[in-house]
Amino acid sequence: MIIKPILSQLYDYLKSTYHNNLKQVILFGSEARGDATLESDIDILIVLETPFNYYQEVQKIGEFISNLCLEYDRLISCCFTTEEQLKNENNAFYRNIKKEGIKL
């Protein structure tokens, strides 16, 4: 399945929600690698400039993400990080994103 419309709607929503605090939106996982199946989720890393409360951010975008999932019958999994964490962290999660991630 082509995921461009999903990614486009998601990016536009995040940009309108976070404005200048949104630094990057990165597709990672099987969709980024090109080995996704119809059952694969769409993994998204949302990179914010300023520190945040993870729970509050999930609440902020949750309804939109749920509606997008229902509209396209695909699971969208979003994670949040800061620009500083993305730059400085060196665990397997961040290394994988730096290696395989696709910036939207």
PDB file of N, CA and C in Angstrom:
ATOM      1  N   MET A   1       0.846  -1.197   0.000  1.00  0.00           N
ATOM      2  CA  MET A   1       0.000   0.000   0.000  1.00  0.00           C
ATOM      3  C   MET A   1       0.881   1.247   0.000  1.00  0.00           C
ATOM      4  N   ILE A   2       0.508   2.196  -0.776  1.00  0.00           N
ATOM      5  CA  ILE A   2       1.209   3.476  -0.812  1.00  0.00           C
ATOM      6  C   ILE A   2       0.850   4.255   0.450  1.00  0.00           C
ATOM      7  N   ILE A   3       1.844   4.764   1.149  1.00  0.00           N
ATOM      8  CA  ILE A   3       1.563   5.469   2.407  1.00  0.00           C
ATOM      9  C   ILE A   3       1.744   6.981   2.287  1.00  0.00           C
ATOM     10  N   LYS A   4       2.025   7.468   1.096  1.00  0.00           N
ATOM     11  CA  LYS A   4       2.236   8.917   0.929  1.00  0.00           C
ATOM     12  C   LYS A   4       1.089   9.767   1.458  1.00  0.00           C
ATOM     13  N   PRO A   5      -0.179   9.424   1.165  1.00  0.00           N
ATOM     14  CA  PRO A   5      -1.269  10.262   1.687  1.00  0.00           C
ATOM     15  C   PRO A   5      -1.311  10.282   3.218  1.00  0.00           C
ATOM     16  N   ILE A   6      -1.008   9.157   3.826  1.00  0.00           N
ATOM     17  CA  ILE A   6      -0.986   9.086   5.296  1.00  0.00           C
ATOM     18  C   ILE A   6       0.102   9.997   5.834  1.00  0.00           C
ATOM     19  N   LEU A   7       1.296   9.870   5.278  1.00  0.00           N
ATOM     20  CA  LEU A   7       2.427  10.666   5.749  1.00  0.00           C
ATOM     21  C   LEU A   7       2.203  12.151   5.511  1.00  0.00           C
ATOM     22  N   SER A   8       1.600  12.484   4.397  1.00  0.00           N
ATOM     23  CA  SER A   8       1.323  13.884   4.089  1.00  0.00           C
ATOM     24  C   SER A   8       0.333  14.485   5.084  1.00  0.00           C
ATOM     25  N   GLN A   9      -0.754  13.783   5.345  1.00  0.00           N
ATOM     26  CA  GLN A   9      -1.741  14.271   6.316  1.00  0.00           C
ATOM     27  C   GLN A   9      -1.131  14.377   7.704  1.00  0.00           C
ATOM     28  N   LEU A  10      -0.349  13.382   8.073  1.00  0.00           N
ATOM     29  CA  LEU A  10       0.278  13.382   9.393  1.00  0.00           C
ATOM     30  C   LEU A  10       1.244  14.552   9.532  1.00  0.00           C
ATOM     31  N   TYR A  11       2.099  14.741   8.537  1.00  0.00           N
ATOM     32  CA  TYR A  11       3.068  15.836   8.598  1.00  0.00           C
ATOM     33  C   TYR A  11       2.364  17.190   8.693  1.00  0.00           C
ATOM     34  N   ASP A  12       1.357  17.393   7.872  1.00  0.00           N
ATOM     35  CA  ASP A  12       0.623  18.666   7.900  1.00  0.00           C
ATOM     36  C   ASP A  12      -0.014  18.911   9.264  1.00  0.00           C
ATOM     37  N   TYR A  13      -0.583  17.863   9.843  1.00  0.00           N
ATOM     38  CA  TYR A  13      -1.203  17.997  11.164  1.00  0.00           C
ATOM     39  C   TYR A  13      -0.156  18.338  12.230  1.00  0.00           C
ATOM     40  N   LEU A  14       0.961  17.626  12.205  1.00  0.00           N
ATOM     41  CA  LEU A  14       2.008  17.875  13.202  1.00  0.00           C
ATOM     42  C   LEU A  14       2.569  19.286  13.057  1.00  0.00           C
ATOM     43  N   LYS A  15       2.764  19.733  11.839  1.00  0.00           N
ATOM     44  CA  LYS A  15       3.287  21.085  11.607  1.00  0.00           C
ATOM     45  C   LYS A  15       2.309  22.129  12.135  1.00  0.00           C
ATOM     46  N   SER A  16       1.026  21.932  11.910  1.00  0.00           N
ATOM     47  CA  SER A  16       0.033  22.899  12.389  1.00  0.00           C
ATOM     48  C   SER A  16      -0.154  22.827  13.901  1.00  0.00           C
ATOM     49  N   THR A  17       0.159  21.692  14.495  1.00  0.00           N
ATOM     50  CA  THR A  17       0.021  21.526  15.944  1.00  0.00           C
ATOM     51  C   THR A  17       1.234  22.067  16.686  1.00  0.00           C
ATOM     52  N   TYR A  18       2.431  21.774  16.188  1.00  0.00           N
ATOM     53  CA  TYR A  18       3.663  22.103  16.911  1.00  0.00           C
ATOM     54  C   TYR A  18       4.391  23.336  16.379  1.00  0.00           C
ATOM     55  N   HIS A  19       4.056  23.784  15.199  1.00  0.00           N
ATOM     56  CA  HIS A  19       4.671  24.977  14.596  1.00  0.00           C
ATOM     57  C   HIS A  19       6.198  24.870  14.623  1.00  0.00           C
ATOM     58  N   ASN A  20       6.877  25.870  15.154  1.00  0.00           N
ATOM     59  CA  ASN A  20       8.345  25.898  15.154  1.00  0.00           C
ATOM     60  C   ASN A  20       8.977  24.911  16.127  1.00  0.00           C
ATOM     61  N   ASN A  21       8.189  24.354  17.039  1.00  0.00           N
ATOM     62  CA  ASN A  21       8.720  23.361  17.971  1.00  0.00           C
ATOM     63  C   ASN A  21       8.957  22.015  17.281  1.00  0.00           C
ATOM     64  N   LEU A  22       8.331  21.796  16.132  1.00  0.00           N
ATOM     65  CA  LEU A  22       8.528  20.561  15.372  1.00  0.00           C
ATOM     66  C   LEU A  22       9.804  20.693  14.549  1.00  0.00           C
ATOM     67  N   LYS A  23      10.779  19.867  14.846  1.00  0.00           N
ATOM     68  CA  LYS A  23      12.057  19.946  14.142  1.00  0.00           C
ATOM     69  C   LYS A  23      12.184  18.909  13.042  1.00  0.00           C
ATOM     70  N   GLN A  24      11.672  17.706  13.282  1.00  0.00           N
ATOM     71  CA  GLN A  24      11.738  16.655  12.267  1.00  0.00           C
ATOM     72  C   GLN A  24      10.595  15.677  12.488  1.00  0.00           C
ATOM     73  N   VAL A  25      10.190  15.045  11.412  1.00  0.00           N
ATOM     74  CA  VAL A  25       9.298  13.891  11.470  1.00  0.00           C
ATOM     75  C   VAL A  25      10.011  12.815  10.663  1.00  0.00           C
ATOM     76  N   ILE A  26      10.252  11.672  11.297  1.00  0.00           N
ATOM     77  CA  ILE A  26      11.070  10.635  10.673  1.00  0.00           C
ATOM     78  C   ILE A  26      10.285   9.328  10.592  1.00  0.00           C
ATOM     79  N   LEU A  27      10.204   8.781   9.396  1.00  0.00           N
ATOM     80  CA  LEU A  27       9.643   7.453   9.182  1.00  0.00           C
ATOM     81  C   LEU A  27      10.758   6.449   9.431  1.00  0.00           C
ATOM     82  N   PHE A  28      10.479   5.429  10.240  1.00  0.00           N
ATOM     83  CA  PHE A  28      11.495   4.404  10.477  1.00  0.00           C
ATOM     84  C   PHE A  28      10.831   3.031  10.483  1.00  0.00           C
ATOM     85  N   GLY A  29      11.611   1.997  10.673  1.00  0.00           N
ATOM     86  CA  GLY A  29      11.064   0.643  10.704  1.00  0.00           C
ATOM     87  C   GLY A  29      10.880   0.076   9.307  1.00  0.00           C
ATOM     88  N   SER A  30       9.972  -0.893   9.214  1.00  0.00           N
ATOM     89  CA  SER A  30       9.822  -1.643   7.961  1.00  0.00           C
ATOM     90  C   SER A  30       9.399  -0.771   6.780  1.00  0.00           C
ATOM     91  N   GLU A  31       8.586   0.240   7.018  1.00  0.00           N
ATOM     92  CA  GLU A  31       8.191   1.128   5.910  1.00  0.00           C
ATOM     93  C   GLU A  31       9.394   1.893   5.370  1.00  0.00           C
ATOM     94  N   ALA A  32      10.277   2.319   6.241  1.00  0.00           N
ATOM     95  CA  ALA A  32      11.477   3.043   5.803  1.00  0.00           C
ATOM     96  C   ALA A  32      12.448   2.108   5.081  1.00  0.00           C
ATOM     97  N   ARG A  33      12.522   0.860   5.551  1.00  0.00           N
ATOM     98  CA  ARG A  33      13.431  -0.108   4.928  1.00  0.00           C
ATOM     99  C   ARG A  33      12.893  -0.645   3.609  1.00  0.00           C
ATOM    100  N   GLY A  34      11.570  -0.542   3.420  1.00  0.00           N
ATOM    101  CA  GLY A  34      10.967  -1.060   2.202  1.00  0.00           C
ATOM    102  C   GLY A  34      10.552  -2.507   2.286  1.00  0.00           C
ATOM    103  N   ASP A  35      10.505  -3.069   3.504  1.00  0.00           N
ATOM    104  CA  ASP A  35      10.092  -4.468   3.630  1.00  0.00           C
ATOM    105  C   ASP A  35       8.788  -4.628   4.421  1.00  0.00           C
ATOM    106  N   ALA A  36       7.956  -3.609   4.390  1.00  0.00           N
ATOM    107  CA  ALA A  36       6.679  -3.650   5.109  1.00  0.00           C
ATOM    108  C   ALA A  36       5.694  -4.574   4.402  1.00  0.00           C
ATOM    109  N   THR A  37       4.804  -5.151   5.202  1.00  0.00           N
ATOM    110  CA  THR A  37       3.692  -5.937   4.680  1.00  0.00           C
ATOM    111  C   THR A  37       2.404  -5.169   4.957  1.00  0.00           C
ATOM    112  N   LEU A  38       1.284  -5.700   4.522  1.00  0.00           N
ATOM    113  CA  LEU A  38       0.001  -5.048   4.784  1.00  0.00           C
ATOM    114  C   LEU A  38      -0.304  -4.975   6.277  1.00  0.00           C
ATOM    115  N   GLU A  39       0.286  -5.872   7.055  1.00  0.00           N
ATOM    116  CA  GLU A  39       0.059  -5.887   8.498  1.00  0.00           C
ATOM    117  C   GLU A  39       1.053  -5.018   9.270  1.00  0.00           C
ATOM    118  N   SER A  40       2.050  -4.487   8.606  1.00  0.00           N
ATOM    119  CA  SER A  40       3.075  -3.677   9.280  1.00  0.00           C
ATOM    120  C   SER A  40       2.491  -2.355   9.752  1.00  0.00           C
ATOM    121  N   ASP A  41       2.979  -1.910  10.904  1.00  0.00           N
ATOM    122  CA  ASP A  41       2.585  -0.573  11.348  1.00  0.00           C
ATOM    123  C   ASP A  41       3.483   0.460  10.677  1.00  0.00           C
ATOM    124  N   ILE A  42       3.104   1.695  10.819  1.00  0.00           N
ATOM    125  CA  ILE A  42       3.882   2.813  10.285  1.00  0.00           C
ATOM    126  C   ILE A  42       4.528   3.497  11.479  1.00  0.00           C
ATOM    127  N   ASP A  43       5.850   3.381  11.581  1.00  0.00           N
ATOM    128  CA  ASP A  43       6.587   3.919  12.724  1.00  0.00           C
ATOM    129  C   ASP A  43       7.049   5.337  12.431  1.00  0.00           C
ATOM    130  N   ILE A  44       6.710   6.244  13.340  1.00  0.00           N
ATOM    131  CA  ILE A  44       7.027   7.660  13.168  1.00  0.00           C
ATOM    132  C   ILE A  44       7.726   8.180  14.419  1.00  0.00           C
ATOM    133  N   LEU A  45       8.834   8.880  14.220  1.00  0.00           N
ATOM    134  CA  LEU A  45       9.500   9.584  15.313  1.00  0.00           C
ATOM    135  C   LEU A  45       9.248  11.073  15.126  1.00  0.00           C
ATOM    136  N   ILE A  46       8.684  11.686  16.154  1.00  0.00           N
ATOM    137  CA  ILE A  46       8.390  13.116  16.149  1.00  0.00           C
ATOM    138  C   ILE A  46       9.461  13.799  16.988  1.00  0.00           C
ATOM    139  N   VAL A  47      10.237  14.660  16.363  1.00  0.00           N
ATOM    140  CA  VAL A  47      11.357  15.320  17.028  1.00  0.00           C
ATOM    141  C   VAL A  47      10.953  16.755  17.354  1.00  0.00           C
ATOM    142  N   LEU A  48      10.921  17.060  18.657  1.00  0.00           N
ATOM    143  CA  LEU A  48      10.564  18.397  19.119  1.00  0.00           C
ATOM    144  C   LEU A  48      11.803  19.125  19.606  1.00  0.00           C
ATOM    145  N   GLU A  49      11.760  20.430  19.530  1.00  0.00           N
ATOM    146  CA  GLU A  49      12.905  21.234  19.962  1.00  0.00           C
ATOM    147  C   GLU A  49      13.020  21.276  21.482  1.00  0.00           C
ATOM    148  N   THR A  50      11.900  21.449  22.154  1.00  0.00           N
ATOM    149  CA  THR A  50      11.917  21.657  23.602  1.00  0.00           C
ATOM    150  C   THR A  50      11.520  20.390  24.353  1.00  0.00           C
ATOM    151  N   PRO A  51      11.956  20.271  25.608  1.00  0.00           N
ATOM    152  CA  PRO A  51      11.534  19.132  26.435  1.00  0.00           C
ATOM    153  C   PRO A  51      10.012  19.084  26.545  1.00  0.00           C
ATOM    154  N   PHE A  52       9.476  17.906  26.800  1.00  0.00           N
ATOM    155  CA  PHE A  52       8.029  17.721  26.788  1.00  0.00           C
ATOM    156  C   PHE A  52       7.630  16.645  27.783  1.00  0.00           C
ATOM    157  N   ASN A  53       6.334  16.584  28.054  1.00  0.00           N
ATOM    158  CA  ASN A  53       5.739  15.515  28.842  1.00  0.00           C
ATOM    159  C   ASN A  53       5.174  14.501  27.841  1.00  0.00           C
ATOM    160  N   TYR A  54       5.723  13.305  27.835  1.00  0.00           N
ATOM    161  CA  TYR A  54       5.358  12.299  26.833  1.00  0.00           C
ATOM    162  C   TYR A  54       3.855  12.041  26.827  1.00  0.00           C
ATOM    163  N   TYR A  55       3.279  11.872  28.003  1.00  0.00           N
ATOM    164  CA  TYR A  55       1.853  11.582  28.119  1.00  0.00           C
ATOM    165  C   TYR A  55       1.014  12.701  27.501  1.00  0.00           C
ATOM    166  N   GLN A  56       1.385  13.938  27.778  1.00  0.00           N
ATOM    167  CA  GLN A  56       0.629  15.069  27.235  1.00  0.00           C
ATOM    168  C   GLN A  56       0.709  15.123  25.709  1.00  0.00           C
ATOM    169  N   GLU A  57       1.860  14.794  25.169  1.00  0.00           N
ATOM    170  CA  GLU A  57       2.003  14.813  23.707  1.00  0.00           C
ATOM    171  C   GLU A  57       1.169  13.710  23.062  1.00  0.00           C
ATOM    172  N   VAL A  58       1.143  12.541  23.679  1.00  0.00           N
ATOM    173  CA  VAL A  58       0.314  11.451  23.161  1.00  0.00           C
ATOM    174  C   VAL A  58      -1.157  11.857  23.199  1.00  0.00           C
ATOM    175  N   GLN A  59      -1.562  12.497  24.288  1.00  0.00           N
ATOM    176  CA  GLN A  59      -2.943  12.975  24.396  1.00  0.00           C
ATOM    177  C   GLN A  59      -3.254  14.021  23.326  1.00  0.00           C
ATOM    178  N   LYS A  60      -2.286  14.873  23.054  1.00  0.00           N
ATOM    179  CA  LYS A  60      -2.479  15.972  22.100  1.00  0.00           C
ATOM    180  C   LYS A  60      -2.776  15.459  20.689  1.00  0.00           C
ATOM    181  N   ILE A  61      -2.077  14.409  20.265  1.00  0.00           N
ATOM    182  CA  ILE A  61      -2.236  13.939  18.884  1.00  0.00           C
ATOM    183  C   ILE A  61      -3.063  12.662  18.774  1.00  0.00           C
ATOM    184  N   GLY A  62      -3.441  12.082  19.898  1.00  0.00           N
ATOM    185  CA  GLY A  62      -4.091  10.770  19.914  1.00  0.00           C
ATOM    186  C   GLY A  62      -5.339  10.653  19.063  1.00  0.00           C
ATOM    187  N   GLU A  63      -6.230  11.610  19.168  1.00  0.00           N
ATOM    188  CA  GLU A  63      -7.483  11.526  18.413  1.00  0.00           C
ATOM    189  C   GLU A  63      -7.224  11.603  16.906  1.00  0.00           C
ATOM    190  N   PHE A  64      -6.338  12.503  16.505  1.00  0.00           N
ATOM    191  CA  PHE A  64      -6.016  12.612  15.082  1.00  0.00           C
ATOM    192  C   PHE A  64      -5.402  11.313  14.569  1.00  0.00           C
ATOM    193  N   ILE A  65      -4.450  10.756  15.313  1.00  0.00           N
ATOM    194  CA  ILE A  65      -3.790   9.514  14.899  1.00  0.00           C
ATOM    195  C   ILE A  65      -4.808   8.382  14.811  1.00  0.00           C
ATOM    196  N   SER A  66      -5.686   8.281  15.797  1.00  0.00           N
ATOM    197  CA  SER A  66      -6.718   7.234  15.781  1.00  0.00           C
ATOM    198  C   SER A  66      -7.600   7.347  14.549  1.00  0.00           C
ATOM    199  N   ASN A  67      -8.019   8.559  14.233  1.00  0.00           N
ATOM    200  CA  ASN A  67      -8.862   8.766  13.050  1.00  0.00           C
ATOM    201  C   ASN A  67      -8.128   8.425  11.757  1.00  0.00           C
ATOM    202  N   LEU A  68      -6.849   8.769  11.699  1.00  0.00           N
ATOM    203  CA  LEU A  68      -6.046   8.443  10.522  1.00  0.00           C
ATOM    204  C   LEU A  68      -5.899   6.925  10.373  1.00  0.00           C
ATOM    205  N   CYS A  69      -5.685   6.241  11.476  1.00  0.00           N
ATOM    206  CA  CYS A  69      -5.586   4.775  11.463  1.00  0.00           C
ATOM    207  C   CYS A  69      -6.875   4.154  10.935  1.00  0.00           C
ATOM    208  N   LEU A  70      -8.000   4.656  11.405  1.00  0.00           N
ATOM    209  CA  LEU A  70      -9.294   4.128  10.965  1.00  0.00           C
ATOM    210  C   LEU A  70      -9.557   4.437   9.493  1.00  0.00           C
ATOM    211  N   GLU A  71      -9.196   5.643   9.073  1.00  0.00           N
ATOM    212  CA  GLU A  71      -9.427   6.042   7.683  1.00  0.00           C
ATOM    213  C   GLU A  71      -8.678   5.156   6.697  1.00  0.00           C
ATOM    214  N   TYR A  72      -7.433   4.802   7.040  1.00  0.00           N
ATOM    215  CA  TYR A  72      -6.590   4.042   6.119  1.00  0.00           C
ATOM    216  C   TYR A  72      -6.422   2.579   6.507  1.00  0.00           C
ATOM    217  N   ASP A  73      -7.031   2.172   7.615  1.00  0.00           N
ATOM    218  CA  ASP A  73      -6.917   0.797   8.104  1.00  0.00           C
ATOM    219  C   ASP A  73      -5.454   0.374   8.270  1.00  0.00           C
ATOM    220  N   ARG A  74      -4.673   1.269   8.855  1.00  0.00           N
ATOM    221  CA  ARG A  74      -3.260   1.009   9.156  1.00  0.00           C
ATOM    222  C   ARG A  74      -2.962   1.507  10.553  1.00  0.00           C
ATOM    223  N   LEU A  75      -2.105   0.801  11.256  1.00  0.00           N
ATOM    224  CA  LEU A  75      -1.676   1.224  12.581  1.00  0.00           C
ATOM    225  C   LEU A  75      -0.508   2.193  12.436  1.00  0.00           C
ATOM    226  N   ILE A  76      -0.615   3.326  13.094  1.00  0.00           N
ATOM    227  CA  ILE A  76       0.453   4.326  13.091  1.00  0.00           C
ATOM    228  C   ILE A  76       0.989   4.424  14.509  1.00  0.00           C
ATOM    229  N   SER A  77       2.266   4.159  14.677  1.00  0.00           N
ATOM    230  CA  SER A  77       2.911   4.208  15.988  1.00  0.00           C
ATOM    231  C   SER A  77       3.840   5.409  16.042  1.00  0.00           C
ATOM    232  N   CYS A  78       3.538   6.328  16.950  1.00  0.00           N
ATOM    233  CA  CYS A  78       4.343   7.542  17.071  1.00  0.00           C
ATOM    234  C   CYS A  78       5.152   7.527  18.355  1.00  0.00           C
ATOM    235  N   CYS A  79       6.400   7.933  18.248  1.00  0.00           N
ATOM    236  CA  CYS A  79       7.285   8.137  19.389  1.00  0.00           C
ATOM    237  C   CYS A  79       7.731   9.594  19.356  1.00  0.00           C
ATOM    238  N   PHE A  80       8.085  10.104  20.513  1.00  0.00           N
ATOM    239  CA  PHE A  80       8.564  11.481  20.617  1.00  0.00           C
ATOM    240  C   PHE A  80       9.987  11.494  21.153  1.00  0.00           C
ATOM    241  N   THR A  81      10.752  12.467  20.714  1.00  0.00           N
ATOM    242  CA  THR A  81      12.072  12.723  21.272  1.00  0.00           C
ATOM    243  C   THR A  81      12.380  14.199  21.066  1.00  0.00           C
ATOM    244  N   THR A  82      13.463  14.635  21.674  1.00  0.00           N
ATOM    245  CA  THR A  82      13.916  16.003  21.441  1.00  0.00           C
ATOM    246  C   THR A  82      15.071  15.975  20.443  1.00  0.00           C
ATOM    247  N   GLU A  83      15.324  17.128  19.870  1.00  0.00           N
ATOM    248  CA  GLU A  83      16.449  17.274  18.950  1.00  0.00           C
ATOM    249  C   GLU A  83      17.755  16.865  19.638  1.00  0.00           C
ATOM    250  N   GLU A  84      17.898  17.277  20.888  1.00  0.00           N
ATOM    251  CA  GLU A  84      19.112  16.965  21.648  1.00  0.00           C
ATOM    252  C   GLU A  84      19.262  15.461  21.870  1.00  0.00           C
ATOM    253  N   GLN A  85      18.172  14.792  22.242  1.00  0.00           N
ATOM    254  CA  GLN A  85      18.239  13.344  22.446  1.00  0.00           C
ATOM    255  C   GLN A  85      18.608  12.627  21.157  1.00  0.00           C
ATOM    256  N   LEU A  86      17.994  13.023  20.068  1.00  0.00           N
ATOM    257  CA  LEU A  86      18.282  12.381  18.788  1.00  0.00           C
ATOM    258  C   LEU A  86      19.753  12.545  18.425  1.00  0.00           C
ATOM    259  N   LYS A  87      20.283  13.697  18.695  1.00  0.00           N
ATOM    260  CA  LYS A  87      21.684  13.980  18.374  1.00  0.00           C
ATOM    261  C   LYS A  87      22.644  13.221  19.285  1.00  0.00           C
ATOM    262  N   ASN A  88      22.332  13.153  20.583  1.00  0.00           N
ATOM    263  CA  ASN A  88      23.296  12.654  21.560  1.00  0.00           C
ATOM    264  C   ASN A  88      23.136  11.199  21.976  1.00  0.00           C
ATOM    265  N   GLU A  89      21.931  10.656  21.888  1.00  0.00           N
ATOM    266  CA  GLU A  89      21.726   9.267  22.322  1.00  0.00           C
ATOM    267  C   GLU A  89      22.380   8.312  21.334  1.00  0.00           C
ATOM    268  N   ASN A  90      22.917   7.210  21.868  1.00  0.00           N
ATOM    269  CA  ASN A  90      23.607   6.254  21.012  1.00  0.00           C
ATOM    270  C   ASN A  90      23.156   4.826  21.282  1.00  0.00           C
ATOM    271  N   ASN A  91      21.916   4.654  21.767  1.00  0.00           N
ATOM    272  CA  ASN A  91      21.436   3.291  21.973  1.00  0.00           C
ATOM    273  C   ASN A  91      20.936   2.721  20.643  1.00  0.00           C
ATOM    274  N   ALA A  92      20.563   1.455  20.639  1.00  0.00           N
ATOM    275  CA  ALA A  92      20.183   0.772  19.402  1.00  0.00           C
ATOM    276  C   ALA A  92      18.996   1.446  18.707  1.00  0.00           C
ATOM    277  N   PHE A  93      18.034   1.924  19.475  1.00  0.00           N
ATOM    278  CA  PHE A  93      16.859   2.582  18.907  1.00  0.00           C
ATOM    279  C   PHE A  93      17.268   3.795  18.075  1.00  0.00           C
ATOM    280  N   TYR A  94      18.065   4.667  18.654  1.00  0.00           N
ATOM    281  CA  TYR A  94      18.473   5.887  17.954  1.00  0.00           C
ATOM    282  C   TYR A  94      19.453   5.589  16.819  1.00  0.00           C
ATOM    283  N   ARG A  95      20.344   4.631  17.013  1.00  0.00           N
ATOM    284  CA  ARG A  95      21.267   4.266  15.927  1.00  0.00           C
ATOM    285  C   ARG A  95      20.493   3.760  14.710  1.00  0.00           C
ATOM    286  N   ASN A  96      19.468   2.952  14.967  1.00  0.00           N
ATOM    287  CA  ASN A  96      18.651   2.420  13.879  1.00  0.00           C
ATOM    288  C   ASN A  96      17.932   3.542  13.129  1.00  0.00           C
ATOM    289  N   ILE A  97      17.385   4.483  13.864  1.00  0.00           N
ATOM    290  CA  ILE A  97      16.688   5.601  13.226  1.00  0.00           C
ATOM    291  C   ILE A  97      17.660   6.448  12.406  1.00  0.00           C
ATOM    292  N   LYS A  98      18.839   6.705  12.954  1.00  0.00           N
ATOM    293  CA  LYS A  98      19.828   7.496  12.219  1.00  0.00           C
ATOM    294  C   LYS A  98      20.282   6.776  10.953  1.00  0.00           C
ATOM    295  N   LYS A  99      20.326   5.452  11.010  1.00  0.00           N
ATOM    296  CA  LYS A  99      20.788   4.660   9.870  1.00  0.00           C
ATOM    297  C   LYS A  99      19.701   4.490   8.805  1.00  0.00           C
ATOM    298  N   GLU A 100      18.472   4.169   9.234  1.00  0.00           N
ATOM    299  CA  GLU A 100      17.430   3.788   8.286  1.00  0.00           C
ATOM    300  C   GLU A 100      16.292   4.794   8.131  1.00  0.00           C
ATOM    301  N   GLY A 101      16.230   5.763   9.030  1.00  0.00           N
ATOM    302  CA  GLY A 101      15.095   6.677   9.025  1.00  0.00           C
ATOM    303  C   GLY A 101      15.042   7.567   7.792  1.00  0.00           C
ATOM    304  N   ILE A 102      13.821   7.930   7.430  1.00  0.00           N
ATOM    305  CA  ILE A 102      13.584   8.825   6.296  1.00  0.00           C
ATOM    306  C   ILE A 102      12.883  10.066   6.827  1.00  0.00           C
ATOM    307  N   LYS A 103      13.520  11.218   6.652  1.00  0.00           N
ATOM    308  CA  LYS A 103      12.918  12.476   7.099  1.00  0.00           C
ATOM    309  C   LYS A 103      11.781  12.861   6.166  1.00  0.00           C
ATOM    310  N   LEU A 104      10.673  13.252   6.757  1.00  0.00           N
ATOM    311  CA  LEU A 104       9.525  13.699   5.956  1.00  0.00           C
ATOM    312  C   LEU A 104       9.623  15.190   5.712  1.00  0.00           C
TER     313      LEU A 104
END
